[in-house]
N, C-alpha and C. Protein backbone atom coordinates (compact mmCIF):
# COMPACT_ATOMS: atom_id res chain seq x y z
N MET A 1 12.83 -10.02 -10.84
CA MET A 1 11.96 -8.93 -11.26
C MET A 1 12.71 -7.60 -11.31
N ASP A 2 13.66 -7.43 -10.37
CA ASP A 2 14.45 -6.20 -10.40
C ASP A 2 15.25 -6.10 -11.70
N GLY A 3 15.78 -7.22 -12.14
CA GLY A 3 16.54 -7.23 -13.39
C GLY A 3 15.67 -6.89 -14.58
N ILE A 4 14.45 -7.41 -14.59
CA ILE A 4 13.51 -7.09 -15.67
C ILE A 4 13.15 -5.61 -15.62
N ALA A 5 12.93 -5.08 -14.41
CA ALA A 5 12.62 -3.66 -14.28
C ALA A 5 13.78 -2.80 -14.78
N ALA A 6 15.00 -3.22 -14.48
CA ALA A 6 16.17 -2.47 -14.94
C ALA A 6 16.26 -2.48 -16.47
N LEU A 7 16.03 -3.65 -17.07
CA LEU A 7 16.06 -3.73 -18.53
C LEU A 7 14.96 -2.88 -19.17
N LEU A 8 13.77 -2.93 -18.60
CA LEU A 8 12.66 -2.12 -19.13
C LEU A 8 12.95 -0.63 -18.99
N GLY A 9 13.52 -0.24 -17.85
CA GLY A 9 13.87 1.17 -17.65
C GLY A 9 14.91 1.64 -18.64
N TYR A 10 15.89 0.80 -18.90
CA TYR A 10 16.93 1.17 -19.86
C TYR A 10 16.37 1.23 -21.28
N GLN A 11 15.50 0.28 -21.63
CA GLN A 11 14.87 0.31 -22.95
C GLN A 11 13.98 1.55 -23.10
N ALA A 12 13.31 1.94 -22.01
CA ALA A 12 12.48 3.14 -22.06
C ALA A 12 13.35 4.38 -22.29
N GLU A 13 14.52 4.41 -21.67
CA GLU A 13 15.45 5.53 -21.89
C GLU A 13 15.89 5.59 -23.35
N LEU A 14 16.18 4.42 -23.94
CA LEU A 14 16.57 4.39 -25.35
C LEU A 14 15.43 4.85 -26.25
N ALA A 15 14.20 4.44 -25.93
CA ALA A 15 13.04 4.88 -26.72
C ALA A 15 12.82 6.38 -26.57
N GLN A 16 13.07 6.90 -25.39
CA GLN A 16 12.90 8.33 -25.15
C GLN A 16 13.94 9.15 -25.93
N ASP A 17 15.13 8.60 -26.07
CA ASP A 17 16.19 9.30 -26.80
C ASP A 17 15.91 9.40 -28.30
N LYS A 18 15.00 8.56 -28.82
CA LYS A 18 14.67 8.60 -30.25
C LYS A 18 13.78 9.78 -30.62
N VAL A 19 13.13 10.39 -29.63
CA VAL A 19 12.23 11.52 -29.89
C VAL A 19 13.07 12.76 -30.19
N LYS A 20 12.63 13.53 -31.18
CA LYS A 20 13.36 14.75 -31.56
C LYS A 20 13.21 15.79 -30.46
N HIS A 21 14.35 16.36 -30.05
CA HIS A 21 14.32 17.40 -29.03
C HIS A 21 15.53 18.32 -29.19
N VAL A 22 15.35 19.54 -28.72
CA VAL A 22 16.42 20.54 -28.71
C VAL A 22 16.67 20.88 -27.25
N LYS A 23 17.94 20.82 -26.84
CA LYS A 23 18.27 21.02 -25.43
C LYS A 23 19.28 22.14 -25.28
N VAL A 24 18.99 23.07 -24.36
CA VAL A 24 19.92 24.13 -23.98
C VAL A 24 20.02 24.10 -22.46
N LEU A 25 21.18 23.70 -21.95
CA LEU A 25 21.42 23.50 -20.52
C LEU A 25 20.39 22.50 -19.98
N PHE A 26 19.54 22.93 -19.03
CA PHE A 26 18.55 22.02 -18.46
C PHE A 26 17.18 22.17 -19.09
N ILE A 27 17.01 23.12 -19.98
CA ILE A 27 15.73 23.35 -20.64
C ILE A 27 15.74 22.64 -21.99
N GLU A 28 14.66 21.93 -22.26
CA GLU A 28 14.58 21.24 -23.55
C GLU A 28 13.20 21.44 -24.15
N CYS A 29 13.19 21.50 -25.46
CA CYS A 29 11.94 21.54 -26.21
C CYS A 29 11.83 20.22 -26.96
N GLU A 30 10.71 19.56 -26.76
CA GLU A 30 10.52 18.22 -27.31
C GLU A 30 9.22 18.17 -28.08
N LYS A 31 9.25 17.49 -29.21
CA LYS A 31 8.04 17.34 -30.02
C LYS A 31 7.31 16.08 -29.56
N GLY A 32 6.43 16.24 -28.59
CA GLY A 32 5.66 15.12 -28.06
C GLY A 32 6.50 14.17 -27.24
N GLY A 33 5.85 13.28 -26.57
CA GLY A 33 6.54 12.26 -25.79
C GLY A 33 6.55 10.94 -26.54
N SER A 34 7.34 10.05 -26.08
CA SER A 34 7.44 8.74 -26.69
C SER A 34 6.46 7.79 -26.01
N LYS A 35 5.50 7.29 -26.78
CA LYS A 35 4.52 6.35 -26.21
C LYS A 35 5.20 5.07 -25.76
N GLU A 36 6.20 4.63 -26.52
CA GLU A 36 6.94 3.42 -26.16
C GLU A 36 7.68 3.61 -24.84
N ALA A 37 8.30 4.77 -24.66
CA ALA A 37 9.01 5.05 -23.41
C ALA A 37 8.03 5.14 -22.25
N LEU A 38 6.85 5.69 -22.50
CA LEU A 38 5.82 5.78 -21.46
C LEU A 38 5.41 4.39 -20.98
N VAL A 39 5.10 3.51 -21.93
CA VAL A 39 4.66 2.15 -21.58
C VAL A 39 5.78 1.37 -20.90
N LEU A 40 6.99 1.45 -21.45
CA LEU A 40 8.12 0.73 -20.85
C LEU A 40 8.47 1.28 -19.47
N GLY A 41 8.36 2.59 -19.29
CA GLY A 41 8.64 3.19 -17.99
C GLY A 41 7.66 2.74 -16.93
N TYR A 42 6.37 2.73 -17.26
CA TYR A 42 5.37 2.27 -16.30
C TYR A 42 5.49 0.76 -16.06
N ALA A 43 5.84 0.00 -17.08
CA ALA A 43 6.05 -1.44 -16.89
C ALA A 43 7.24 -1.69 -15.96
N ALA A 44 8.29 -0.89 -16.11
CA ALA A 44 9.45 -1.00 -15.22
C ALA A 44 9.05 -0.68 -13.79
N LEU A 45 8.22 0.35 -13.62
CA LEU A 45 7.76 0.73 -12.28
C LEU A 45 6.93 -0.38 -11.65
N ILE A 46 6.07 -1.01 -12.42
CA ILE A 46 5.25 -2.11 -11.89
C ILE A 46 6.12 -3.31 -11.53
N CYS A 47 7.06 -3.67 -12.39
CA CYS A 47 7.98 -4.79 -12.08
C CYS A 47 8.80 -4.49 -10.84
N PHE A 48 9.23 -3.24 -10.70
CA PHE A 48 10.02 -2.83 -9.54
C PHE A 48 9.20 -2.96 -8.26
N ALA A 49 7.93 -2.57 -8.30
CA ALA A 49 7.05 -2.69 -7.14
C ALA A 49 6.81 -4.15 -6.78
N VAL A 50 6.60 -5.00 -7.79
CA VAL A 50 6.40 -6.43 -7.54
C VAL A 50 7.66 -7.05 -6.95
N ALA A 51 8.82 -6.65 -7.44
CA ALA A 51 10.09 -7.16 -6.91
C ALA A 51 10.26 -6.75 -5.45
N HIS A 52 9.88 -5.52 -5.12
CA HIS A 52 9.99 -5.05 -3.74
C HIS A 52 9.05 -5.85 -2.83
N LEU A 53 7.85 -6.11 -3.32
CA LEU A 53 6.90 -6.91 -2.55
C LEU A 53 7.42 -8.34 -2.36
N ALA A 54 8.01 -8.91 -3.40
CA ALA A 54 8.56 -10.26 -3.31
C ALA A 54 9.72 -10.32 -2.33
N THR A 55 10.52 -9.26 -2.29
CA THR A 55 11.62 -9.21 -1.33
C THR A 55 11.10 -9.29 0.09
N HIS A 56 10.06 -8.54 0.37
CA HIS A 56 9.51 -8.55 1.72
C HIS A 56 8.79 -9.85 2.04
N THR A 57 8.17 -10.44 1.06
CA THR A 57 7.51 -11.73 1.29
C THR A 57 8.55 -12.80 1.61
N ALA A 58 9.65 -12.81 0.87
CA ALA A 58 10.69 -13.81 1.08
C ALA A 58 11.58 -13.48 2.26
N GLY A 59 11.81 -12.21 2.52
CA GLY A 59 12.79 -11.83 3.53
C GLY A 59 12.25 -11.59 4.92
N ASP A 60 10.96 -11.37 5.05
CA ASP A 60 10.42 -11.04 6.37
C ASP A 60 10.04 -12.28 7.18
N LEU A 61 10.69 -13.39 6.91
CA LEU A 61 10.40 -14.60 7.67
C LEU A 61 10.77 -14.42 9.14
N TYR A 62 11.96 -13.89 9.37
CA TYR A 62 12.39 -13.71 10.75
C TYR A 62 13.39 -12.57 10.81
N VAL A 63 12.96 -11.43 11.28
CA VAL A 63 13.86 -10.31 11.47
C VAL A 63 13.78 -9.84 12.91
N CYS A 64 12.69 -10.14 13.57
CA CYS A 64 12.50 -9.68 14.93
C CYS A 64 13.42 -10.44 15.88
N CYS A 65 13.61 -9.84 17.01
CA CYS A 65 14.41 -10.51 18.03
C CYS A 65 13.58 -10.64 19.28
N ARG A 66 14.05 -11.46 20.21
CA ARG A 66 13.24 -11.71 21.40
C ARG A 66 13.58 -10.78 22.54
N SER A 67 14.65 -10.04 22.45
CA SER A 67 14.99 -9.13 23.53
C SER A 67 15.35 -7.77 22.95
N MET A 68 15.62 -6.83 23.81
CA MET A 68 15.98 -5.49 23.36
C MET A 68 17.36 -5.48 22.73
N ILE A 69 18.23 -6.39 23.13
CA ILE A 69 19.57 -6.48 22.56
C ILE A 69 19.49 -7.38 21.34
N MET A 70 19.79 -6.82 20.19
CA MET A 70 19.67 -7.58 18.96
C MET A 70 21.01 -8.18 18.58
N SER A 71 20.95 -9.30 17.93
CA SER A 71 22.18 -9.93 17.46
C SER A 71 22.75 -9.14 16.30
N CYS A 72 23.97 -9.46 15.95
CA CYS A 72 24.64 -8.78 14.84
C CYS A 72 23.87 -9.00 13.53
N PHE A 73 23.40 -10.22 13.31
CA PHE A 73 22.63 -10.51 12.09
C PHE A 73 21.33 -9.71 12.05
N SER A 74 20.68 -9.57 13.21
CA SER A 74 19.43 -8.80 13.25
C SER A 74 19.67 -7.34 12.92
N GLN A 75 20.74 -6.78 13.48
CA GLN A 75 21.06 -5.38 13.21
C GLN A 75 21.41 -5.18 11.74
N MET A 76 22.20 -6.10 11.19
CA MET A 76 22.54 -5.99 9.77
C MET A 76 21.30 -6.12 8.90
N ALA A 77 20.42 -7.06 9.25
CA ALA A 77 19.20 -7.26 8.47
C ALA A 77 18.32 -6.01 8.49
N LEU A 78 18.22 -5.36 9.65
CA LEU A 78 17.41 -4.15 9.72
C LEU A 78 18.05 -2.99 8.96
N CYS A 79 19.37 -2.89 8.99
CA CYS A 79 20.05 -1.84 8.21
C CYS A 79 19.87 -2.08 6.71
N VAL A 80 19.98 -3.34 6.30
CA VAL A 80 19.80 -3.67 4.89
C VAL A 80 18.34 -3.45 4.49
N LEU A 81 17.40 -3.75 5.39
CA LEU A 81 15.99 -3.50 5.12
C LEU A 81 15.74 -2.01 4.90
N LEU A 82 16.37 -1.17 5.71
CA LEU A 82 16.25 0.27 5.53
C LEU A 82 16.82 0.69 4.17
N ALA A 83 17.95 0.11 3.79
CA ALA A 83 18.55 0.42 2.48
C ALA A 83 17.63 -0.01 1.34
N VAL A 84 16.97 -1.16 1.50
CA VAL A 84 16.03 -1.64 0.48
C VAL A 84 14.89 -0.64 0.29
N TRP A 85 14.35 -0.14 1.40
CA TRP A 85 13.26 0.83 1.31
C TRP A 85 13.72 2.15 0.69
N VAL A 86 14.92 2.61 1.06
CA VAL A 86 15.43 3.87 0.49
C VAL A 86 15.64 3.71 -1.02
N LEU A 87 16.26 2.59 -1.42
CA LEU A 87 16.48 2.36 -2.84
C LEU A 87 15.16 2.23 -3.60
N TRP A 88 14.19 1.56 -2.99
CA TRP A 88 12.91 1.42 -3.66
C TRP A 88 12.24 2.79 -3.84
N GLY A 89 12.27 3.61 -2.81
CA GLY A 89 11.66 4.94 -2.91
C GLY A 89 12.33 5.79 -3.98
N ALA A 90 13.66 5.79 -3.98
CA ALA A 90 14.39 6.59 -4.97
C ALA A 90 14.16 6.06 -6.38
N GLY A 91 14.24 4.75 -6.55
CA GLY A 91 14.06 4.15 -7.87
C GLY A 91 12.65 4.34 -8.40
N ALA A 92 11.65 4.18 -7.53
CA ALA A 92 10.26 4.35 -7.96
C ALA A 92 10.01 5.80 -8.38
N CYS A 93 10.56 6.75 -7.63
CA CYS A 93 10.40 8.17 -8.00
C CYS A 93 11.05 8.47 -9.34
N LEU A 94 12.27 7.97 -9.54
CA LEU A 94 12.96 8.23 -10.81
C LEU A 94 12.22 7.60 -11.99
N LEU A 95 11.77 6.36 -11.83
CA LEU A 95 11.03 5.71 -12.92
C LEU A 95 9.72 6.43 -13.21
N TYR A 96 9.04 6.88 -12.15
CA TYR A 96 7.77 7.59 -12.35
C TYR A 96 7.98 8.92 -13.05
N ILE A 97 8.97 9.69 -12.60
CA ILE A 97 9.24 10.99 -13.23
C ILE A 97 9.64 10.81 -14.69
N GLY A 98 10.49 9.80 -14.95
CA GLY A 98 10.92 9.55 -16.32
C GLY A 98 9.79 9.12 -17.22
N ALA A 99 8.91 8.26 -16.71
CA ALA A 99 7.77 7.80 -17.52
C ALA A 99 6.75 8.93 -17.70
N LYS A 100 6.50 9.67 -16.64
CA LYS A 100 5.52 10.76 -16.69
C LYS A 100 5.94 11.85 -17.68
N GLY A 101 7.23 12.03 -17.86
CA GLY A 101 7.72 13.02 -18.81
C GLY A 101 7.38 12.69 -20.25
N ASN A 102 6.99 11.47 -20.51
CA ASN A 102 6.65 11.06 -21.88
C ASN A 102 5.15 11.15 -22.15
N GLN A 103 4.36 11.68 -21.24
CA GLN A 103 2.92 11.82 -21.46
C GLN A 103 2.57 13.09 -22.22
N ARG A 104 3.55 13.90 -22.48
CA ARG A 104 3.31 15.18 -23.16
C ARG A 104 2.86 14.96 -24.60
N HIS A 105 1.94 15.81 -25.04
CA HIS A 105 1.50 15.81 -26.43
C HIS A 105 1.79 17.18 -27.02
N GLY A 106 2.23 17.21 -28.25
CA GLY A 106 2.58 18.47 -28.89
C GLY A 106 3.97 18.91 -28.48
N THR A 107 4.39 20.07 -28.96
CA THR A 107 5.71 20.59 -28.64
C THR A 107 5.63 21.37 -27.34
N LYS A 108 6.44 20.95 -26.37
CA LYS A 108 6.47 21.63 -25.09
C LYS A 108 7.92 21.80 -24.66
N CYS A 109 8.14 22.87 -23.93
CA CYS A 109 9.48 23.14 -23.41
C CYS A 109 9.43 23.11 -21.88
N GLY A 110 10.50 22.64 -21.29
CA GLY A 110 10.56 22.57 -19.84
C GLY A 110 11.85 21.93 -19.38
N VAL A 111 11.86 21.52 -18.13
CA VAL A 111 13.04 20.88 -17.55
C VAL A 111 13.23 19.51 -18.19
N SER A 112 14.45 19.18 -18.48
CA SER A 112 14.76 17.91 -19.14
C SER A 112 14.44 16.73 -18.23
N HIS A 113 13.78 15.73 -18.79
CA HIS A 113 13.48 14.50 -18.06
C HIS A 113 14.34 13.34 -18.53
N HIS A 114 15.35 13.64 -19.32
CA HIS A 114 16.23 12.57 -19.81
C HIS A 114 17.17 12.14 -18.69
N GLY A 115 17.41 10.87 -18.62
CA GLY A 115 18.31 10.33 -17.61
C GLY A 115 17.59 9.74 -16.42
N PHE A 116 16.34 10.15 -16.16
CA PHE A 116 15.62 9.62 -15.02
C PHE A 116 15.38 8.13 -15.16
N LEU A 117 14.99 7.69 -16.34
CA LEU A 117 14.73 6.26 -16.56
C LEU A 117 16.01 5.44 -16.44
N LYS A 118 17.11 5.98 -16.96
CA LYS A 118 18.39 5.28 -16.89
C LYS A 118 18.85 5.14 -15.44
N TRP A 119 18.77 6.24 -14.67
CA TRP A 119 19.17 6.17 -13.27
C TRP A 119 18.21 5.29 -12.46
N GLY A 120 16.94 5.29 -12.82
CA GLY A 120 15.99 4.38 -12.18
C GLY A 120 16.37 2.93 -12.44
N ALA A 121 16.85 2.64 -13.66
CA ALA A 121 17.30 1.28 -13.99
C ALA A 121 18.53 0.91 -13.18
N TYR A 122 19.45 1.85 -12.99
CA TYR A 122 20.63 1.57 -12.17
C TYR A 122 20.24 1.28 -10.72
N ILE A 123 19.27 2.02 -10.22
CA ILE A 123 18.82 1.78 -8.84
C ILE A 123 18.10 0.45 -8.74
N CYS A 124 17.42 0.02 -9.79
CA CYS A 124 16.81 -1.32 -9.80
C CYS A 124 17.88 -2.39 -9.62
N CYS A 125 19.02 -2.22 -10.27
CA CYS A 125 20.12 -3.18 -10.13
C CYS A 125 20.66 -3.18 -8.71
N ALA A 126 20.83 -1.99 -8.13
CA ALA A 126 21.30 -1.90 -6.74
C ALA A 126 20.28 -2.52 -5.80
N HIS A 127 18.99 -2.30 -6.07
CA HIS A 127 17.92 -2.89 -5.25
C HIS A 127 17.97 -4.42 -5.33
N LEU A 128 18.28 -4.95 -6.50
CA LEU A 128 18.41 -6.39 -6.67
C LEU A 128 19.49 -6.95 -5.75
N ILE A 129 20.65 -6.32 -5.74
CA ILE A 129 21.77 -6.81 -4.94
C ILE A 129 21.47 -6.69 -3.45
N ILE A 130 20.94 -5.55 -3.02
CA ILE A 130 20.64 -5.35 -1.60
C ILE A 130 19.49 -6.25 -1.17
N SER A 131 18.52 -6.49 -2.04
CA SER A 131 17.41 -7.39 -1.70
C SER A 131 17.90 -8.82 -1.50
N LEU A 132 18.81 -9.26 -2.35
CA LEU A 132 19.38 -10.60 -2.17
C LEU A 132 20.12 -10.70 -0.85
N LEU A 133 20.87 -9.67 -0.51
CA LEU A 133 21.58 -9.65 0.77
C LEU A 133 20.59 -9.71 1.93
N TYR A 134 19.50 -8.96 1.83
CA TYR A 134 18.48 -8.98 2.87
C TYR A 134 17.85 -10.36 3.02
N CYS A 135 17.53 -11.00 1.91
CA CYS A 135 16.94 -12.35 1.97
C CYS A 135 17.91 -13.36 2.57
N ILE A 136 19.19 -13.24 2.24
CA ILE A 136 20.20 -14.14 2.81
C ILE A 136 20.32 -13.93 4.31
N LEU A 137 20.40 -12.68 4.75
CA LEU A 137 20.49 -12.39 6.18
C LEU A 137 19.25 -12.87 6.91
N SER A 138 18.09 -12.62 6.33
CA SER A 138 16.84 -13.03 6.96
C SER A 138 16.76 -14.55 7.05
N HIS A 139 17.19 -15.24 6.00
CA HIS A 139 17.18 -16.71 6.02
C HIS A 139 18.14 -17.23 7.09
N ASN A 140 19.31 -16.62 7.20
CA ASN A 140 20.26 -17.04 8.24
C ASN A 140 19.68 -16.84 9.63
N LEU A 141 18.97 -15.73 9.85
CA LEU A 141 18.33 -15.50 11.14
C LEU A 141 17.27 -16.55 11.41
N PHE A 142 16.50 -16.88 10.39
CA PHE A 142 15.45 -17.88 10.55
C PHE A 142 16.03 -19.24 10.89
N MET A 143 17.10 -19.62 10.17
CA MET A 143 17.73 -20.92 10.43
C MET A 143 18.38 -20.95 11.80
N LYS A 144 19.01 -19.86 12.20
CA LYS A 144 19.63 -19.79 13.52
C LYS A 144 18.58 -19.92 14.61
N ALA A 145 17.43 -19.29 14.42
CA ALA A 145 16.35 -19.37 15.39
C ALA A 145 15.78 -20.77 15.45
N ALA A 146 15.68 -21.43 14.31
CA ALA A 146 15.14 -22.79 14.29
C ALA A 146 16.09 -23.77 14.98
N ILE A 147 17.39 -23.56 14.81
CA ILE A 147 18.37 -24.47 15.40
C ILE A 147 18.48 -24.26 16.90
N THR A 148 18.55 -23.02 17.33
CA THR A 148 18.77 -22.74 18.75
C THR A 148 17.49 -22.57 19.54
N SER A 149 16.37 -22.68 18.88
CA SER A 149 15.06 -22.54 19.53
C SER A 149 14.98 -21.26 20.34
N THR A 150 15.18 -20.15 19.69
CA THR A 150 15.12 -18.86 20.38
C THR A 150 13.76 -18.21 20.20
N ALA A 151 12.74 -19.01 20.13
CA ALA A 151 11.40 -18.45 19.99
C ALA A 151 11.06 -17.68 21.26
N PRO A 152 10.27 -16.63 21.15
CA PRO A 152 9.90 -15.85 22.33
C PRO A 152 9.18 -16.73 23.35
N LYS A 153 9.54 -16.54 24.61
CA LYS A 153 8.92 -17.32 25.67
C LYS A 153 7.91 -16.46 26.39
N VAL A 154 6.81 -17.07 26.78
CA VAL A 154 5.77 -16.36 27.51
C VAL A 154 6.13 -16.40 28.98
N VAL A 155 6.19 -15.24 29.58
CA VAL A 155 6.52 -15.15 31.01
C VAL A 155 5.28 -14.67 31.73
N THR A 156 4.86 -15.44 32.72
CA THR A 156 3.70 -15.05 33.52
C THR A 156 4.17 -14.68 34.91
N ARG A 157 3.63 -13.62 35.42
CA ARG A 157 3.99 -13.18 36.78
C ARG A 157 2.88 -13.58 37.72
N VAL A 158 3.30 -14.07 38.84
CA VAL A 158 2.32 -14.50 39.84
C VAL A 158 2.37 -13.59 41.03
């Protein structure tokens, strides 16, 4: 899904570039927004959100540990999980800003929104790689726990 989101984001950027605009530094005047870029941008955002949800569904099998001291795999999995969330937040913001910039009707001038969809697509690709790493680490933790039977034990005090 991340790959599809990246392709949609890049296609939205190409559709956005077809709209006539005049640019001076960071200010641009554009004659309306691109409906195709708007639809593709929002579709990329939805695919990106579904991919993020799928990552957590597949990867959150076993990340917790049974004690305060975490194994190396657990620490790496949590660091990668943090990276997944940061990438998702950044990518979702970029895709949203890029798509939202195409809702304009008529000629309007303002800050350029070009490049947001392209960078959102790049972050989708990075999210894909980091998500795969997270799922692999999580799967290894799950298999290690199943083999060594490190399930949490209930301790009762008398």
